């Protein structure tokens, strides 16, 4: 359980770093923003969002596989100890 909390905290901190870099990029663009530059920025943001969703899905799937693997190993241990 401790490892699970640590991994969640780690993902949270990485997410904060990623979010702050996006915010700073957006604030830099506000000074000079033509329509072409705005369109490029929107496209990049959409691509980043898709990439973030895929990473989240992959991490969620990986976490759920690890949790189910731990549960199976605990079941195997308990059945072994009863014999």
N, C-alpha and C. Protein backbone atom coordinates (compact mmCIF):
# COMPACT_ATOMS: atom_id res chain seq x y z
N UNK A 1 0.82 -1.19 0.00
CA UNK A 1 0.00 0.00 0.00
C UNK A 1 0.86 1.26 0.00
N UNK A 2 1.97 1.22 0.72
CA UNK A 2 2.85 2.38 0.76
C UNK A 2 3.43 2.66 -0.62
N UNK A 3 3.80 1.62 -1.34
CA UNK A 3 4.34 1.80 -2.68
C UNK A 3 3.31 2.43 -3.60
N UNK A 4 2.04 2.03 -3.44
CA UNK A 4 0.96 2.60 -4.25
C UNK A 4 0.80 4.09 -3.98
N UNK A 5 0.85 4.48 -2.72
CA UNK A 5 0.74 5.90 -2.36
C UNK A 5 1.92 6.68 -2.92
N UNK A 6 3.10 6.10 -2.81
CA UNK A 6 4.30 6.78 -3.34
C UNK A 6 4.21 6.95 -4.85
N UNK A 7 3.73 5.93 -5.55
CA UNK A 7 3.63 6.04 -7.01
C UNK A 7 2.59 7.09 -7.39
N UNK A 8 1.50 7.16 -6.65
CA UNK A 8 0.49 8.18 -6.94
C UNK A 8 1.03 9.58 -6.69
N UNK A 9 1.79 9.75 -5.60
CA UNK A 9 2.39 11.05 -5.30
C UNK A 9 3.38 11.43 -6.40
N UNK A 10 4.15 10.47 -6.85
CA UNK A 10 5.12 10.72 -7.90
C UNK A 10 4.42 11.17 -9.18
N UNK A 11 3.35 10.48 -9.56
CA UNK A 11 2.59 10.87 -10.76
C UNK A 11 1.99 12.26 -10.60
N UNK A 12 1.53 12.58 -9.40
CA UNK A 12 0.95 13.89 -9.13
C UNK A 12 2.00 14.99 -9.32
N UNK A 13 3.19 14.79 -8.77
CA UNK A 13 4.26 15.79 -8.89
C UNK A 13 4.68 15.96 -10.34
N UNK A 14 4.80 14.86 -11.06
CA UNK A 14 5.16 14.94 -12.49
C UNK A 14 4.08 15.71 -13.25
N UNK A 15 2.82 15.46 -12.91
CA UNK A 15 1.72 16.17 -13.55
C UNK A 15 1.76 17.65 -13.28
N UNK A 16 2.13 18.04 -12.05
CA UNK A 16 2.24 19.47 -11.72
C UNK A 16 3.33 20.13 -12.55
N UNK A 17 4.45 19.46 -12.67
CA UNK A 17 5.56 20.00 -13.45
C UNK A 17 5.13 20.19 -14.90
N UNK A 18 4.45 19.19 -15.44
CA UNK A 18 4.00 19.24 -16.83
C UNK A 18 2.99 20.37 -17.02
N UNK A 19 2.07 20.52 -16.08
CA UNK A 19 1.05 21.55 -16.15
C UNK A 19 1.67 22.94 -16.07
N UNK A 20 2.64 23.13 -15.17
CA UNK A 20 3.25 24.45 -15.03
C UNK A 20 4.02 24.84 -16.29
N UNK A 21 4.64 23.87 -16.96
CA UNK A 21 5.35 24.19 -18.20
C UNK A 21 4.37 24.60 -19.29
N UNK A 22 3.19 23.97 -19.31
CA UNK A 22 2.17 24.36 -20.29
C UNK A 22 1.67 25.77 -20.01
N UNK A 23 1.45 26.08 -18.73
CA UNK A 23 0.94 27.41 -18.36
C UNK A 23 1.96 28.49 -18.72
N UNK A 24 3.23 28.24 -18.47
CA UNK A 24 4.25 29.25 -18.78
C UNK A 24 4.36 29.46 -20.28
N UNK A 25 4.21 28.39 -21.05
CA UNK A 25 4.26 28.51 -22.50
C UNK A 25 3.09 29.37 -22.99
N UNK A 26 1.91 29.15 -22.44
CA UNK A 26 0.74 29.92 -22.83
C UNK A 26 0.91 31.39 -22.47
N UNK A 27 1.46 31.67 -21.30
CA UNK A 27 1.63 33.07 -20.90
C UNK A 27 2.67 33.78 -21.76
N UNK A 28 3.67 33.07 -22.26
CA UNK A 28 4.66 33.68 -23.15
C UNK A 28 4.03 34.04 -24.49
N UNK A 29 3.07 33.24 -24.95
CA UNK A 29 2.45 33.49 -26.24
C UNK A 29 1.46 34.66 -26.22
N UNK A 30 0.97 35.04 -25.04
CA UNK A 30 -0.05 36.08 -24.96
C UNK A 30 0.48 37.42 -25.47
N UNK A 31 1.76 37.70 -25.26
CA UNK A 31 2.33 38.98 -25.69
C UNK A 31 2.19 39.22 -27.18
N UNK A 32 2.46 38.23 -27.99
CA UNK A 32 2.34 38.38 -29.43
C UNK A 32 1.60 37.16 -29.96
N UNK A 33 0.36 37.38 -30.36
CA UNK A 33 -0.45 36.25 -30.79
C UNK A 33 -1.24 36.63 -32.03
N UNK A 34 -0.73 36.25 -33.19
CA UNK A 34 -1.49 36.40 -34.42
C UNK A 34 -2.38 35.19 -34.61
N UNK A 35 -3.25 35.24 -35.62
CA UNK A 35 -4.19 34.14 -35.82
C UNK A 35 -3.46 32.84 -36.19
N UNK A 36 -2.41 32.95 -36.99
CA UNK A 36 -1.66 31.75 -37.37
C UNK A 36 -0.99 31.13 -36.14
N UNK A 37 -0.41 31.97 -35.33
CA UNK A 37 0.26 31.49 -34.11
C UNK A 37 -0.76 30.89 -33.14
N UNK A 38 -1.93 31.51 -33.06
CA UNK A 38 -2.99 30.98 -32.20
C UNK A 38 -3.44 29.60 -32.67
N UNK A 39 -3.60 29.43 -33.97
CA UNK A 39 -4.02 28.14 -34.51
C UNK A 39 -2.98 27.05 -34.23
N UNK A 40 -1.73 27.40 -34.37
CA UNK A 40 -0.65 26.44 -34.09
C UNK A 40 -0.66 26.07 -32.61
N UNK A 41 -0.84 27.09 -31.76
CA UNK A 41 -0.87 26.84 -30.32
C UNK A 41 -2.03 25.90 -29.95
N UNK A 42 -3.21 26.15 -30.50
CA UNK A 42 -4.38 25.31 -30.21
C UNK A 42 -4.12 23.88 -30.67
N UNK A 43 -3.52 23.72 -31.83
CA UNK A 43 -3.21 22.38 -32.34
C UNK A 43 -2.24 21.66 -31.40
N UNK A 44 -1.22 22.38 -30.94
CA UNK A 44 -0.25 21.76 -30.03
C UNK A 44 -0.89 21.37 -28.71
N UNK A 45 -1.79 22.22 -28.21
CA UNK A 45 -2.47 21.91 -26.95
C UNK A 45 -3.34 20.67 -27.11
N UNK A 46 -4.04 20.57 -28.23
CA UNK A 46 -4.88 19.39 -28.47
C UNK A 46 -4.04 18.13 -28.57
N UNK A 47 -2.90 18.21 -29.24
CA UNK A 47 -2.01 17.05 -29.34
C UNK A 47 -1.47 16.66 -27.97
N UNK A 48 -1.11 17.66 -27.16
CA UNK A 48 -0.63 17.38 -25.81
C UNK A 48 -1.72 16.71 -24.97
N UNK A 49 -2.95 17.17 -25.11
CA UNK A 49 -4.05 16.58 -24.35
C UNK A 49 -4.27 15.12 -24.75
N UNK A 50 -4.21 14.83 -26.04
CA UNK A 50 -4.35 13.45 -26.50
C UNK A 50 -3.23 12.57 -25.95
N UNK A 51 -2.02 13.11 -25.98
CA UNK A 51 -0.87 12.38 -25.47
C UNK A 51 -1.01 12.13 -23.97
N UNK A 52 -1.48 13.15 -23.24
CA UNK A 52 -1.68 13.01 -21.80
C UNK A 52 -2.73 11.95 -21.49
N UNK A 53 -3.80 11.92 -22.27
CA UNK A 53 -4.85 10.92 -22.05
C UNK A 53 -4.31 9.51 -22.27
N UNK A 54 -3.52 9.35 -23.34
CA UNK A 54 -2.94 8.03 -23.62
C UNK A 54 -1.99 7.60 -22.51
N UNK A 55 -1.16 8.53 -22.03
CA UNK A 55 -0.24 8.20 -20.94
C UNK A 55 -1.01 7.81 -19.69
N UNK A 56 -2.09 8.54 -19.41
CA UNK A 56 -2.91 8.23 -18.23
C UNK A 56 -3.54 6.86 -18.35
N UNK A 57 -4.06 6.54 -19.55
CA UNK A 57 -4.67 5.22 -19.76
C UNK A 57 -3.63 4.12 -19.57
N UNK A 58 -2.43 4.34 -20.12
CA UNK A 58 -1.37 3.33 -20.00
C UNK A 58 -0.96 3.14 -18.54
N UNK A 59 -0.84 4.25 -17.80
CA UNK A 59 -0.45 4.15 -16.40
C UNK A 59 -1.55 3.52 -15.58
N UNK A 60 -2.80 3.83 -15.90
CA UNK A 60 -3.93 3.23 -15.17
C UNK A 60 -3.98 1.73 -15.42
N UNK A 61 -3.78 1.34 -16.66
CA UNK A 61 -3.80 -0.09 -16.99
C UNK A 61 -2.64 -0.81 -16.30
N UNK A 62 -1.49 -0.17 -16.29
CA UNK A 62 -0.31 -0.77 -15.66
C UNK A 62 -0.54 -0.92 -14.16
N UNK A 63 -1.12 0.10 -13.53
CA UNK A 63 -1.39 0.06 -12.10
C UNK A 63 -2.41 -1.02 -11.77
N UNK A 64 -3.46 -1.12 -12.57
CA UNK A 64 -4.48 -2.14 -12.30
C UNK A 64 -3.93 -3.54 -12.50
N UNK A 65 -3.03 -3.73 -13.46
CA UNK A 65 -2.40 -5.04 -13.65
C UNK A 65 -1.54 -5.39 -12.44
N UNK A 66 -0.79 -4.40 -11.93
CA UNK A 66 0.05 -4.65 -10.76
C UNK A 66 -0.79 -4.99 -9.54
N UNK A 67 -1.90 -4.27 -9.35
CA UNK A 67 -2.76 -4.53 -8.20
C UNK A 67 -3.39 -5.91 -8.30
N UNK A 68 -3.85 -6.30 -9.48
CA UNK A 68 -4.46 -7.63 -9.63
C UNK A 68 -3.40 -8.72 -9.45
N UNK A 69 -2.18 -8.46 -9.88
CA UNK A 69 -1.10 -9.42 -9.69
C UNK A 69 -0.77 -9.60 -8.22
N UNK A 70 -0.80 -8.50 -7.45
CA UNK A 70 -0.54 -8.59 -6.02
C UNK A 70 -1.66 -9.35 -5.32
N UNK A 71 -2.89 -9.13 -5.74
CA UNK A 71 -4.02 -9.83 -5.13
C UNK A 71 -3.92 -11.33 -5.41
N UNK A 72 -3.55 -11.69 -6.63
CA UNK A 72 -3.41 -13.11 -6.97
C UNK A 72 -2.30 -13.75 -6.15
N UNK A 73 -1.18 -13.03 -5.98
CA UNK A 73 -0.08 -13.61 -5.22
C UNK A 73 -0.46 -13.75 -3.75
N UNK A 74 -1.26 -12.82 -3.23
CA UNK A 74 -1.72 -12.94 -1.85
C UNK A 74 -2.65 -14.14 -1.69
N UNK A 75 -3.50 -14.40 -2.67
CA UNK A 75 -4.39 -15.56 -2.63
C UNK A 75 -3.56 -16.84 -2.66
N UNK A 76 -2.55 -16.87 -3.53
CA UNK A 76 -1.70 -18.05 -3.62
C UNK A 76 -0.95 -18.29 -2.31
N UNK A 77 -0.48 -17.24 -1.68
CA UNK A 77 0.23 -17.37 -0.42
C UNK A 77 -0.69 -17.92 0.67
N UNK A 78 -1.89 -17.37 0.75
CA UNK A 78 -2.80 -17.81 1.80
C UNK A 78 -3.20 -19.27 1.60
N UNK A 79 -3.42 -19.70 0.38
CA UNK A 79 -3.78 -21.10 0.14
C UNK A 79 -2.60 -22.02 0.42
N UNK A 80 -1.40 -21.53 0.17
CA UNK A 80 -0.21 -22.33 0.44
C UNK A 80 0.00 -22.48 1.95
N UNK A 81 -0.25 -21.44 2.70
CA UNK A 81 -0.05 -21.48 4.14
C UNK A 81 -1.06 -22.38 4.83
N UNK A 82 -2.25 -22.54 4.27
CA UNK A 82 -3.27 -23.38 4.88
C UNK A 82 -2.97 -24.86 4.73
N UNK A 83 -2.16 -25.24 3.79
CA UNK A 83 -1.87 -26.67 3.54
C UNK A 83 -1.00 -27.23 4.58
